[in-house]
């Protein structure tokens, strides 16, 4: 027996209990401090946020003056026009952008999965948008959508169509932001869907071809049902992130024109930082966090439903 093997099998000194990997006590001793630290980092800011939402905070002489307001801030949410516009626009933005990303990402993943040569090149090209920083994306698309010299207006001008103020028109401003977000995040959906498609069992498709299934039947009756768990997880994850959109709205439109692109995260920014209403901004934050938690619960339910099927 080698020295290494002998040392591994050596018995522990008398009275000393060697920990085992499957010992629950040892697991809590090893991971308990890290778990408590993560819980503290996640819950303490939330507790402070909830506490702040019940107060007005004013600064005088370099110190914070706290005035208890109870539930007044939460009652104000329903009558705030910016909050109402932000909620509606956020829901429209999130659903429109995520559905567009899922459809385009799924189509691209199907096409790339059927290519025998050059998959690496297509993957590299398709994931480029997700690697670009948000500030750069805002600059690129603001130039492309510019009324005077934007590339979009120049392109439609070749078709005999007059220029349009995409970001300054209330009817197209939110749609323009949705298009930018679809361009930015479709690669994320594409990567998840491509990984899911490549992991599907090949024998099922071979059996369907032997049975004479058409390409449409193969897609609708085999590919889509098998991809439901991946679709559900991708949808839930992207929906939660879409509800937190801020940088694209801030860089492209600043919430305008009017409240056409006002989203809830931008409303929070205005109330909290621009107007210095810390307590009211905290109340909006708590409401947003509560809504996101509901989305997470819905996403987990969809994932379990997908597994059950």
C-alpha atoms as a PDB file:
ATOM      1  CA  UNK A   1       0.000   0.000   0.000  1.00  0.00           C
ATOM      2  CA  UNK A   2       1.291   3.459  -0.907  1.00  0.00           C
ATOM      3  CA  UNK A   3       1.979   6.163   1.622  1.00  0.00           C
ATOM      4  CA  UNK A   4      -0.957   8.206   0.277  1.00  0.00           C
ATOM      5  CA  UNK A   5      -3.398   5.315   0.582  1.00  0.00           C
ATOM      6  CA  UNK A   6      -2.123   4.485   4.045  1.00  0.00           C
ATOM      7  CA  UNK A   7      -2.559   8.074   5.206  1.00  0.00           C
ATOM      8  CA  UNK A   8      -6.100   8.196   3.788  1.00  0.00           C
ATOM      9  CA  UNK A   9      -7.116   5.023   5.591  1.00  0.00           C
ATOM     10  CA  UNK A  10      -5.358   5.878   8.834  1.00  0.00           C
ATOM     11  CA  UNK A  11      -7.644   5.947  11.789  1.00  0.00           C
ATOM     12  CA  UNK A  12      -8.281   9.164  13.650  1.00  0.00           C
ATOM     13  CA  UNK A  13      -6.815   9.514  17.141  1.00  0.00           C
ATOM     14  CA  UNK A  14      -8.892   8.170  19.974  1.00  0.00           C
ATOM     15  CA  UNK A  15     -11.675  10.505  21.017  1.00  0.00           C
ATOM     16  CA  UNK A  16     -11.549  12.507  17.765  1.00  0.00           C
ATOM     17  CA  UNK A  17     -14.554  12.183  15.438  1.00  0.00           C
ATOM     18  CA  UNK A  18     -13.697  12.589  11.753  1.00  0.00           C
ATOM     19  CA  UNK A  19     -16.344  14.605   9.854  1.00  0.00           C
ATOM     20  CA  UNK A  20     -18.135  12.874   7.008  1.00  0.00           C
ATOM     21  CA  UNK A  21     -19.349  14.553   3.834  1.00  0.00           C
ATOM     22  CA  UNK A  22     -22.900  13.345   4.452  1.00  0.00           C
ATOM     23  CA  UNK A  23     -22.962  14.466   8.106  1.00  0.00           C
ATOM     24  CA  UNK A  24     -25.723  17.146   8.413  1.00  0.00           C
ATOM     25  CA  UNK A  25     -24.076  18.665  11.485  1.00  0.00           C
ATOM     26  CA  UNK A  26     -20.808  19.106   9.617  1.00  0.00           C
ATOM     27  CA  UNK A  27     -22.650  20.702   6.699  1.00  0.00           C
ATOM     28  CA  UNK A  28     -24.239  23.316   8.951  1.00  0.00           C
ATOM     29  CA  UNK A  29     -20.918  24.014  10.664  1.00  0.00           C
ATOM     30  CA  UNK A  30     -19.155  24.433   7.306  1.00  0.00           C
ATOM     31  CA  UNK A  31     -21.786  26.391   5.396  1.00  0.00           C
ATOM     32  CA  UNK A  32     -23.735  28.023   8.229  1.00  0.00           C
ATOM     33  CA  UNK A  33     -21.603  31.182   8.539  1.00  0.00           C
ATOM     34  CA  UNK A  34     -21.635  31.795   4.795  1.00  0.00           C
ATOM     35  CA  UNK A  35     -25.394  31.220   4.685  1.00  0.00           C
ATOM     36  CA  UNK A  36     -25.986  33.642   7.563  1.00  0.00           C
ATOM     37  CA  UNK A  37     -23.807  36.244   5.855  1.00  0.00           C
ATOM     38  CA  UNK A  38     -25.755  35.941   2.586  1.00  0.00           C
ATOM     39  CA  UNK A  39     -29.067  36.172   4.428  1.00  0.00           C
ATOM     40  CA  UNK A  40     -27.891  39.257   6.287  1.00  0.00           C
ATOM     41  CA  UNK A  41     -26.697  40.917   3.078  1.00  0.00           C
ATOM     42  CA  UNK A  42     -30.059  40.222   1.440  1.00  0.00           C
ATOM     43  CA  UNK A  43     -32.472  40.940   4.285  1.00  0.00           C
ATOM     44  CA  UNK A  44     -30.903  43.868   6.162  1.00  0.00           C
ATOM     45  CA  UNK A  45     -31.123  46.304   3.201  1.00  0.00           C
ATOM     46  CA  UNK A  46     -34.706  45.195   2.606  1.00  0.00           C
ATOM     47  CA  UNK A  47     -35.603  45.737   6.264  1.00  0.00           C
ATOM     48  CA  UNK A  48     -34.028  49.190   6.125  1.00  0.00           C
ATOM     49  CA  UNK A  49     -35.969  49.942   2.922  1.00  0.00           C
ATOM     50  CA  UNK A  50     -39.281  48.944   4.511  1.00  0.00           C
ATOM     51  CA  UNK A  51     -38.479  51.016   7.611  1.00  0.00           C
ATOM     52  CA  UNK A  52     -37.627  54.046   5.461  1.00  0.00           C
ATOM     53  CA  UNK A  53     -40.880  53.721   3.507  1.00  0.00           C
ATOM     54  CA  UNK A  54     -42.829  54.591   6.675  1.00  0.00           C
ATOM     55  CA  UNK A  55     -40.972  57.881   7.160  1.00  0.00           C
ATOM     56  CA  UNK A  56     -40.158  61.192   5.536  1.00  0.00           C
ATOM     57  CA  UNK A  57     -36.436  61.897   5.559  1.00  0.00           C
ATOM     58  CA  UNK A  58     -35.121  65.454   5.491  1.00  0.00           C
ATOM     59  CA  UNK A  59     -31.552  66.683   5.926  1.00  0.00           C
ATOM     60  CA  UNK A  60     -30.775  69.505   8.318  1.00  0.00           C
ATOM     61  CA  UNK A  61     -27.306  70.477   9.476  1.00  0.00           C
ATOM     62  CA  UNK A  62     -25.817  67.333   7.990  1.00  0.00           C
ATOM     63  CA  UNK A  63     -28.105  64.985   9.938  1.00  0.00           C
ATOM     64  CA  UNK A  64     -31.206  63.094   8.838  1.00  0.00           C
ATOM     65  CA  UNK A  65     -34.530  64.140  10.321  1.00  0.00           C
ATOM     66  CA  UNK A  66     -37.024  61.255  10.374  1.00  0.00           C
ATOM     67  CA  UNK A  67     -40.778  61.927  10.446  1.00  0.00           C
ATOM     68  CA  UNK A  68     -43.109  58.958  10.815  1.00  0.00           C
ATOM     69  CA  UNK A  69     -45.793  58.837   8.081  1.00  0.00           C
ATOM     70  CA  UNK A  70     -47.265  55.375   8.553  1.00  0.00           C
ATOM     71  CA  UNK A  71     -48.913  54.051   5.390  1.00  0.00           C
ATOM     72  CA  UNK A  72     -49.302  57.480   3.756  1.00  0.00           C
ATOM     73  CA  UNK A  73     -46.658  56.780   1.126  1.00  0.00           C
ATOM     74  CA  UNK A  74     -48.308  53.519   0.121  1.00  0.00           C
ATOM     75  CA  UNK A  75     -51.656  55.243  -0.128  1.00  0.00           C
ATOM     76  CA  UNK A  76     -50.130  57.857  -2.415  1.00  0.00           C
ATOM     77  CA  UNK A  77     -49.006  55.232  -4.917  1.00  0.00           C
ATOM     78  CA  UNK A  78     -52.471  54.743  -6.398  1.00  0.00           C
ATOM     79  CA  UNK A  79     -52.935  58.476  -7.095  1.00  0.00           C
ATOM     80  CA  UNK A  80     -49.466  59.170  -8.499  1.00  0.00           C
ATOM     81  CA  UNK A  81     -49.784  59.663 -12.298  1.00  0.00           C
ATOM     82  CA  UNK A  82     -46.148  58.756 -12.893  1.00  0.00           C
ATOM     83  CA  UNK A  83     -46.534  55.498 -10.978  1.00  0.00           C
ATOM     84  CA  UNK A  84     -49.689  54.608 -12.925  1.00  0.00           C
ATOM     85  CA  UNK A  85     -48.020  55.374 -16.263  1.00  0.00           C
ATOM     86  CA  UNK A  86     -44.880  53.556 -15.149  1.00  0.00           C
ATOM     87  CA  UNK A  87     -46.762  50.379 -14.233  1.00  0.00           C
ATOM     88  CA  UNK A  88     -48.690  50.286 -17.519  1.00  0.00           C
ATOM     89  CA  UNK A  89     -45.635  51.042 -19.659  1.00  0.00           C
ATOM     90  CA  UNK A  90     -43.515  48.538 -17.754  1.00  0.00           C
ATOM     91  CA  UNK A  91     -46.047  45.757 -18.336  1.00  0.00           C
ATOM     92  CA  UNK A  92     -46.343  46.631 -22.044  1.00  0.00           C
ATOM     93  CA  UNK A  93     -42.583  46.866 -22.399  1.00  0.00           C
ATOM     94  CA  UNK A  94     -41.872  43.637 -20.525  1.00  0.00           C
ATOM     95  CA  UNK A  95     -44.429  41.522 -22.381  1.00  0.00           C
ATOM     96  CA  UNK A  96     -43.603  42.978 -25.810  1.00  0.00           C
ATOM     97  CA  UNK A  97     -39.836  42.730 -25.399  1.00  0.00           C
ATOM     98  CA  UNK A  98     -39.770  39.271 -23.811  1.00  0.00           C
ATOM     99  CA  UNK A  99     -42.178  37.709 -26.316  1.00  0.00           C
ATOM    100  CA  UNK A 100     -40.145  39.161 -29.179  1.00  0.00           C
ATOM    101  CA  UNK A 101     -36.916  37.855 -27.668  1.00  0.00           C
ATOM    102  CA  UNK A 102     -38.345  34.388 -27.113  1.00  0.00           C
ATOM    103  CA  UNK A 103     -39.671  34.096 -30.677  1.00  0.00           C
ATOM    104  CA  UNK A 104     -36.525  35.406 -32.362  1.00  0.00           C
ATOM    105  CA  UNK A 105     -34.222  33.491 -30.030  1.00  0.00           C
ATOM    106  CA  UNK A 106     -36.095  30.242 -30.656  1.00  0.00           C
ATOM    107  CA  UNK A 107     -36.078  30.710 -34.437  1.00  0.00           C
ATOM    108  CA  UNK A 108     -32.357  31.514 -34.476  1.00  0.00           C
ATOM    109  CA  UNK A 109     -31.584  28.539 -32.238  1.00  0.00           C
ATOM    110  CA  UNK A 110     -33.520  26.195 -34.540  1.00  0.00           C
ATOM    111  CA  UNK A 111     -31.727  27.517 -37.624  1.00  0.00           C
ATOM    112  CA  UNK A 112     -28.257  27.315 -36.081  1.00  0.00           C
ATOM    113  CA  UNK A 113     -28.905  23.814 -34.707  1.00  0.00           C
ATOM    114  CA  UNK A 114     -29.531  22.596 -38.264  1.00  0.00           C
ATOM    115  CA  UNK A 115     -26.249  23.990 -39.611  1.00  0.00           C
ATOM    116  CA  UNK A 116     -23.499  21.411 -39.926  1.00  0.00           C
ATOM    117  CA  UNK A 117     -20.624  23.813 -40.536  1.00  0.00           C
ATOM    118  CA  UNK A 118     -20.001  27.319 -39.227  1.00  0.00           C
ATOM    119  CA  UNK A 119     -21.959  27.064 -35.976  1.00  0.00           C
ATOM    120  CA  UNK A 120     -19.153  28.720 -34.030  1.00  0.00           C
ATOM    121  CA  UNK A 121     -19.185  31.718 -36.382  1.00  0.00           C
ATOM    122  CA  UNK A 122     -22.959  32.158 -36.152  1.00  0.00           C
ATOM    123  CA  UNK A 123     -22.876  31.881 -32.372  1.00  0.00           C
ATOM    124  CA  UNK A 124     -20.160  34.518 -32.139  1.00  0.00           C
ATOM    125  CA  UNK A 125     -22.111  36.898 -34.391  1.00  0.00           C
ATOM    126  CA  UNK A 126     -25.436  36.406 -32.622  1.00  0.00           C
ATOM    127  CA  UNK A 127     -24.096  36.973 -29.090  1.00  0.00           C
ATOM    128  CA  UNK A 128     -22.314  40.237 -29.947  1.00  0.00           C
ATOM    129  CA  UNK A 129     -25.187  42.534 -28.816  1.00  0.00           C
ATOM    130  CA  UNK A 130     -25.260  41.076 -25.320  1.00  0.00           C
ATOM    131  CA  UNK A 131     -21.538  41.817 -24.894  1.00  0.00           C
ATOM    132  CA  UNK A 132     -21.908  45.545 -25.613  1.00  0.00           C
ATOM    133  CA  UNK A 133     -22.234  47.823 -22.542  1.00  0.00           C
ATOM    134  CA  UNK A 134     -25.598  49.504 -22.061  1.00  0.00           C
ATOM    135  CA  UNK A 135     -24.185  53.025 -22.406  1.00  0.00           C
ATOM    136  CA  UNK A 136     -22.751  52.108 -25.814  1.00  0.00           C
ATOM    137  CA  UNK A 137     -26.051  50.548 -26.917  1.00  0.00           C
ATOM    138  CA  UNK A 138     -27.888  53.727 -25.955  1.00  0.00           C
ATOM    139  CA  UNK A 139     -25.464  55.856 -27.980  1.00  0.00           C
ATOM    140  CA  UNK A 140     -25.632  53.551 -31.016  1.00  0.00           C
ATOM    141  CA  UNK A 141     -29.410  53.390 -31.201  1.00  0.00           C
ATOM    142  CA  UNK A 142     -29.947  57.063 -30.394  1.00  0.00           C
ATOM    143  CA  UNK A 143     -27.829  57.887 -33.439  1.00  0.00           C
ATOM    144  CA  UNK A 144     -29.595  55.284 -35.584  1.00  0.00           C
ATOM    145  CA  UNK A 145     -33.034  56.602 -34.600  1.00  0.00           C
ATOM    146  CA  UNK A 146     -32.105  60.265 -34.964  1.00  0.00           C
ATOM    147  CA  UNK A 147     -34.634  62.291 -36.945  1.00  0.00           C
ATOM    148  CA  UNK A 148     -32.149  64.307 -39.003  1.00  0.00           C
ATOM    149  CA  UNK A 149     -29.355  61.876 -39.903  1.00  0.00           C
ATOM    150  CA  UNK A 150     -30.324  58.517 -38.387  1.00  0.00           C
ATOM    151  CA  UNK A 151     -29.641  55.348 -40.326  1.00  0.00           C
ATOM    152  CA  UNK A 152     -33.245  54.160 -39.949  1.00  0.00           C
ATOM    153  CA  UNK A 153     -34.694  57.271 -41.578  1.00  0.00           C
ATOM    154  CA  UNK A 154     -32.098  57.133 -44.323  1.00  0.00           C
ATOM    155  CA  UNK A 155     -33.015  53.510 -45.030  1.00  0.00           C
ATOM    156  CA  UNK A 156     -36.764  54.148 -45.236  1.00  0.00           C
ATOM    157  CA  UNK A 157     -36.013  57.258 -47.307  1.00  0.00           C
ATOM    158  CA  UNK A 158     -34.696  54.955 -50.040  1.00  0.00           C
ATOM    159  CA  UNK A 159     -38.203  53.460 -50.146  1.00  0.00           C
ATOM    160  CA  UNK A 160     -39.797  56.869 -50.591  1.00  0.00           C
ATOM    161  CA  UNK A 161     -40.972  57.137 -46.970  1.00  0.00           C
ATOM    162  CA  UNK A 162     -40.455  60.400 -45.128  1.00  0.00           C
ATOM    163  CA  UNK A 163     -38.398  60.644 -41.926  1.00  0.00           C
ATOM    164  CA  UNK A 164     -40.024  59.965 -38.580  1.00  0.00           C
ATOM    165  CA  UNK A 165     -39.127  61.106 -35.067  1.00  0.00           C
ATOM    166  CA  UNK A 166     -39.002  57.613 -33.567  1.00  0.00           C
ATOM    167  CA  UNK A 167     -38.001  58.689 -30.059  1.00  0.00           C
ATOM    168  CA  UNK A 168     -39.884  62.004 -30.007  1.00  0.00           C
ATOM    169  CA  UNK A 169     -43.276  60.684 -31.096  1.00  0.00           C
ATOM    170  CA  UNK A 170     -45.409  59.352 -28.242  1.00  0.00           C
ATOM    171  CA  UNK A 171     -46.840  56.708 -30.554  1.00  0.00           C
ATOM    172  CA  UNK A 172     -43.496  55.119 -31.459  1.00  0.00           C
ATOM    173  CA  UNK A 173     -41.178  55.974 -28.559  1.00  0.00           C
ATOM    174  CA  UNK A 174     -42.027  52.936 -26.416  1.00  0.00           C
ATOM    175  CA  UNK A 175     -42.016  50.672 -29.472  1.00  0.00           C
ATOM    176  CA  UNK A 176     -38.532  51.930 -30.339  1.00  0.00           C
ATOM    177  CA  UNK A 177     -37.272  51.132 -26.839  1.00  0.00           C
ATOM    178  CA  UNK A 178     -38.822  47.653 -27.089  1.00  0.00           C
ATOM    179  CA  UNK A 179     -37.025  47.052 -30.393  1.00  0.00           C
ATOM    180  CA  UNK A 180     -33.708  48.080 -28.831  1.00  0.00           C
ATOM    181  CA  UNK A 181     -34.254  45.734 -25.890  1.00  0.00           C
ATOM    182  CA  UNK A 182     -35.159  42.875 -28.248  1.00  0.00           C
ATOM    183  CA  UNK A 183     -31.956  43.484 -30.202  1.00  0.00           C
ATOM    184  CA  UNK A 184     -29.967  43.567 -26.960  1.00  0.00           C
ATOM    185  CA  UNK A 185     -31.334  40.484 -25.172  1.00  0.00           C
ATOM    186  CA  UNK A 186     -32.331  38.099 -27.968  1.00  0.00           C
ATOM    187  CA  UNK A 187     -28.806  36.554 -27.857  1.00  0.00           C
ATOM    188  CA  UNK A 188     -29.429  35.517 -24.239  1.00  0.00           C
ATOM    189  CA  UNK A 189     -32.572  33.617 -25.218  1.00  0.00           C
ATOM    190  CA  UNK A 190     -30.795  32.242 -28.272  1.00  0.00           C
ATOM    191  CA  UNK A 191     -28.017  30.694 -26.163  1.00  0.00           C
ATOM    192  CA  UNK A 192     -30.440  29.073 -23.704  1.00  0.00           C
ATOM    193  CA  UNK A 193     -32.657  27.711 -26.464  1.00  0.00           C
ATOM    194  CA  UNK A 194     -29.704  26.420 -28.464  1.00  0.00           C
ATOM    195  CA  UNK A 195     -28.388  24.562 -25.420  1.00  0.00           C
ATOM    196  CA  UNK A 196     -31.864  23.118 -24.823  1.00  0.00           C
ATOM    197  CA  UNK A 197     -32.320  22.010 -28.449  1.00  0.00           C
ATOM    198  CA  UNK A 198     -28.900  20.366 -28.577  1.00  0.00           C
ATOM    199  CA  UNK A 199     -29.704  18.409 -25.403  1.00  0.00           C
ATOM    200  CA  UNK A 200     -32.922  16.909 -26.799  1.00  0.00           C
ATOM    201  CA  UNK A 201     -32.821  13.109 -27.318  1.00  0.00           C
ATOM    202  CA  UNK A 202     -32.033  12.332 -30.937  1.00  0.00           C
ATOM    203  CA  UNK A 203     -33.698   8.910 -30.935  1.00  0.00           C
ATOM    204  CA  UNK A 204     -37.124  10.518 -30.533  1.00  0.00           C
ATOM    205  CA  UNK A 205     -36.657  12.500 -33.745  1.00  0.00           C
ATOM    206  CA  UNK A 206     -35.308   9.475 -35.591  1.00  0.00           C
ATOM    207  CA  UNK A 207     -38.370   7.477 -34.581  1.00  0.00           C
ATOM    208  CA  UNK A 208     -40.684  10.280 -35.739  1.00  0.00           C
ATOM    209  CA  UNK A 209     -39.018  10.382 -39.165  1.00  0.00           C
ATOM    210  CA  UNK A 210     -39.374   6.625 -39.480  1.00  0.00           C
ATOM    211  CA  UNK A 211     -43.072   6.987 -38.678  1.00  0.00           C
ATOM    212  CA  UNK A 212     -43.378   9.556 -41.461  1.00  0.00           C
ATOM    213  CA  UNK A 213     -43.774  12.745 -39.432  1.00  0.00           C
ATOM    214  CA  UNK A 214     -43.473  15.977 -41.421  1.00  0.00           C
ATOM    215  CA  UNK A 215     -41.032  18.726 -40.358  1.00  0.00           C
ATOM    216  CA  UNK A 216     -43.953  20.782 -39.010  1.00  0.00           C
ATOM    217  CA  UNK A 217     -45.306  17.839 -37.001  1.00  0.00           C
ATOM    218  CA  UNK A 218     -41.822  17.138 -35.684  1.00  0.00           C
ATOM    219  CA  UNK A 219     -41.485  20.740 -34.563  1.00  0.00           C
ATOM    220  CA  UNK A 220     -44.951  21.208 -33.077  1.00  0.00           C
ATOM    221  CA  UNK A 221     -45.477  17.776 -31.515  1.00  0.00           C
ATOM    222  CA  UNK A 222     -41.936  16.931 -30.386  1.00  0.00           C
ATOM    223  CA  UNK A 223     -39.593  19.915 -30.254  1.00  0.00           C
ATOM    224  CA  UNK A 224     -41.956  22.395 -28.605  1.00  0.00           C
ATOM    225  CA  UNK A 225     -43.274  20.034 -25.869  1.00  0.00           C
ATOM    226  CA  UNK A 226     -39.740  18.929 -24.995  1.00  0.00           C
ATOM    227  CA  UNK A 227     -38.587  22.553 -24.858  1.00  0.00           C
ATOM    228  CA  UNK A 228     -41.398  23.763 -22.572  1.00  0.00           C
ATOM    229  CA  UNK A 229     -39.234  23.661 -19.377  1.00  0.00           C
ATOM    230  CA  UNK A 230     -36.491  25.697 -21.076  1.00  0.00           C
ATOM    231  CA  UNK A 231     -39.030  28.134 -22.526  1.00  0.00           C
ATOM    232  CA  UNK A 232     -40.744  28.588 -19.156  1.00  0.00           C
ATOM    233  CA  UNK A 233     -37.485  29.257 -17.285  1.00  0.00           C
ATOM    234  CA  UNK A 234     -36.217  31.643 -19.975  1.00  0.00           C
ATOM    235  CA  UNK A 235     -39.532  33.507 -20.026  1.00  0.00           C
ATOM    236  CA  UNK A 236     -39.645  33.902 -16.244  1.00  0.00           C
ATOM    237  CA  UNK A 237     -36.015  34.997 -16.003  1.00  0.00           C
ATOM    238  CA  UNK A 238     -36.253  37.540 -18.803  1.00  0.00           C
ATOM    239  CA  UNK A 239     -39.619  38.840 -17.545  1.00  0.00           C
ATOM    240  CA  UNK A 240     -38.151  39.637 -14.137  1.00  0.00           C
ATOM    241  CA  UNK A 241     -35.193  41.440 -15.717  1.00  0.00           C
ATOM    242  CA  UNK A 242     -37.448  43.294 -18.168  1.00  0.00           C
ATOM    243  CA  UNK A 243     -39.481  44.714 -15.291  1.00  0.00           C
ATOM    244  CA  UNK A 244     -36.258  46.279 -13.973  1.00  0.00           C
ATOM    245  CA  UNK A 245     -35.382  48.089 -17.225  1.00  0.00           C
ATOM    246  CA  UNK A 246     -33.813  51.490 -16.678  1.00  0.00           C
ATOM    247  CA  UNK A 247     -30.671  52.170 -18.699  1.00  0.00           C
ATOM    248  CA  UNK A 248     -32.287  51.982 -22.139  1.00  0.00           C
ATOM    249  CA  UNK A 249     -35.133  54.307 -21.156  1.00  0.00           C
ATOM    250  CA  UNK A 250     -32.768  56.727 -19.426  1.00  0.00           C
ATOM    251  CA  UNK A 251     -30.353  56.851 -22.369  1.00  0.00           C
ATOM    252  CA  UNK A 252     -32.864  56.923 -25.233  1.00  0.00           C
ATOM    253  CA  UNK A 253     -35.880  58.932 -24.094  1.00  0.00           C
ATOM    254  CA  UNK A 254     -35.545  59.952 -20.439  1.00  0.00           C
ATOM    255  CA  UNK A 255     -39.103  58.744 -19.883  1.00  0.00           C
ATOM    256  CA  UNK A 256     -40.560  61.032 -22.557  1.00  0.00           C
ATOM    257  CA  UNK A 257     -42.135  62.363 -24.554  1.00  0.00           C
ATOM    258  CA  UNK A 258     -44.497  63.105 -21.692  1.00  0.00           C
ATOM    259  CA  UNK A 259     -44.998  59.766 -19.959  1.00  0.00           C
ATOM    260  CA  UNK A 260     -44.879  57.660 -23.146  1.00  0.00           C
ATOM    261  CA  UNK A 261     -41.832  55.674 -21.996  1.00  0.00           C
ATOM    262  CA  UNK A 262     -42.141  56.192 -18.249  1.00  0.00           C
ATOM    263  CA  UNK A 263     -41.313  52.855 -16.576  1.00  0.00           C
ATOM    264  CA  UNK A 264     -41.513  52.103 -12.885  1.00  0.00           C
ATOM    265  CA  UNK A 265     -37.744  52.003 -12.377  1.00  0.00           C
ATOM    266  CA  UNK A 266     -37.414  55.459 -13.941  1.00  0.00           C
ATOM    267  CA  UNK A 267     -40.252  56.739 -11.752  1.00  0.00           C
ATOM    268  CA  UNK A 268     -38.394  55.416  -8.733  1.00  0.00           C
ATOM    269  CA  UNK A 269     -35.233  57.189  -9.900  1.00  0.00           C
ATOM    270  CA  UNK A 270     -37.075  60.488 -10.274  1.00  0.00           C
ATOM    271  CA  UNK A 271     -38.864  60.334  -6.935  1.00  0.00           C
ATOM    272  CA  UNK A 272     -35.866  59.061  -4.984  1.00  0.00           C
ATOM    273  CA  UNK A 273     -32.933  60.995  -6.435  1.00  0.00           C
ATOM    274  CA  UNK A 274     -34.267  63.911  -8.502  1.00  0.00           C
ATOM    275  CA  UNK A 275     -36.995  65.007  -6.055  1.00  0.00           C
ATOM    276  CA  UNK A 276     -35.172  63.705  -2.953  1.00  0.00           C
ATOM    277  CA  UNK A 277     -38.312  61.994  -1.630  1.00  0.00           C
ATOM    278  CA  UNK A 278     -36.479  59.160   0.069  1.00  0.00           C
ATOM    279  CA  UNK A 279     -39.419  57.715   2.002  1.00  0.00           C
ATOM    280  CA  UNK A 280     -41.777  57.738  -0.966  1.00  0.00           C
ATOM    281  CA  UNK A 281     -39.097  56.265  -3.217  1.00  0.00           C
ATOM    282  CA  UNK A 282     -38.564  53.501  -0.672  1.00  0.00           C
ATOM    283  CA  UNK A 283     -42.309  52.743  -0.746  1.00  0.00           C
ATOM    284  CA  UNK A 284     -42.177  52.411  -4.544  1.00  0.00           C
ATOM    285  CA  UNK A 285     -39.153  50.128  -4.180  1.00  0.00           C
ATOM    286  CA  UNK A 286     -40.946  47.867  -1.700  1.00  0.00           C
ATOM    287  CA  UNK A 287     -43.943  47.610  -4.033  1.00  0.00           C
ATOM    288  CA  UNK A 288     -41.666  46.724  -6.964  1.00  0.00           C
ATOM    289  CA  UNK A 289     -39.800  44.093  -4.931  1.00  0.00           C
ATOM    290  CA  UNK A 290     -43.085  42.551  -3.837  1.00  0.00           C
ATOM    291  CA  UNK A 291     -44.259  42.386  -7.451  1.00  0.00           C
ATOM    292  CA  UNK A 292     -40.967  40.818  -8.601  1.00  0.00           C
ATOM    293  CA  UNK A 293     -41.302  38.204  -5.858  1.00  0.00           C
ATOM    294  CA  UNK A 294     -44.729  37.359  -7.240  1.00  0.00           C
ATOM    295  CA  UNK A 295     -43.165  36.951 -10.686  1.00  0.00           C
ATOM    296  CA  UNK A 296     -40.524  34.613  -9.252  1.00  0.00           C
ATOM    297  CA  UNK A 297     -43.209  32.487  -7.623  1.00  0.00           C
ATOM    298  CA  UNK A 298     -45.078  32.391 -10.934  1.00  0.00           C
ATOM    299  CA  UNK A 299     -41.854  31.411 -12.725  1.00  0.00           C
ATOM    300  CA  UNK A 300     -41.202  28.551 -10.318  1.00  0.00           C
ATOM    301  CA  UNK A 301     -44.780  27.366 -10.772  1.00  0.00           C
ATOM    302  CA  UNK A 302     -44.339  27.402 -14.556  1.00  0.00           C
ATOM    303  CA  UNK A 303     -41.117  25.443 -14.209  1.00  0.00           C
ATOM    304  CA  UNK A 304     -42.819  22.760 -12.109  1.00  0.00           C
ATOM    305  CA  UNK A 305     -45.649  22.630 -14.631  1.00  0.00           C
ATOM    306  CA  UNK A 306     -43.123  22.147 -17.428  1.00  0.00           C
ATOM    307  CA  UNK A 307     -41.431  19.324 -15.544  1.00  0.00           C
ATOM    308  CA  UNK A 308     -44.755  17.656 -14.866  1.00  0.00           C
ATOM    309  CA  UNK A 309     -45.538  17.636 -18.563  1.00  0.00           C
END
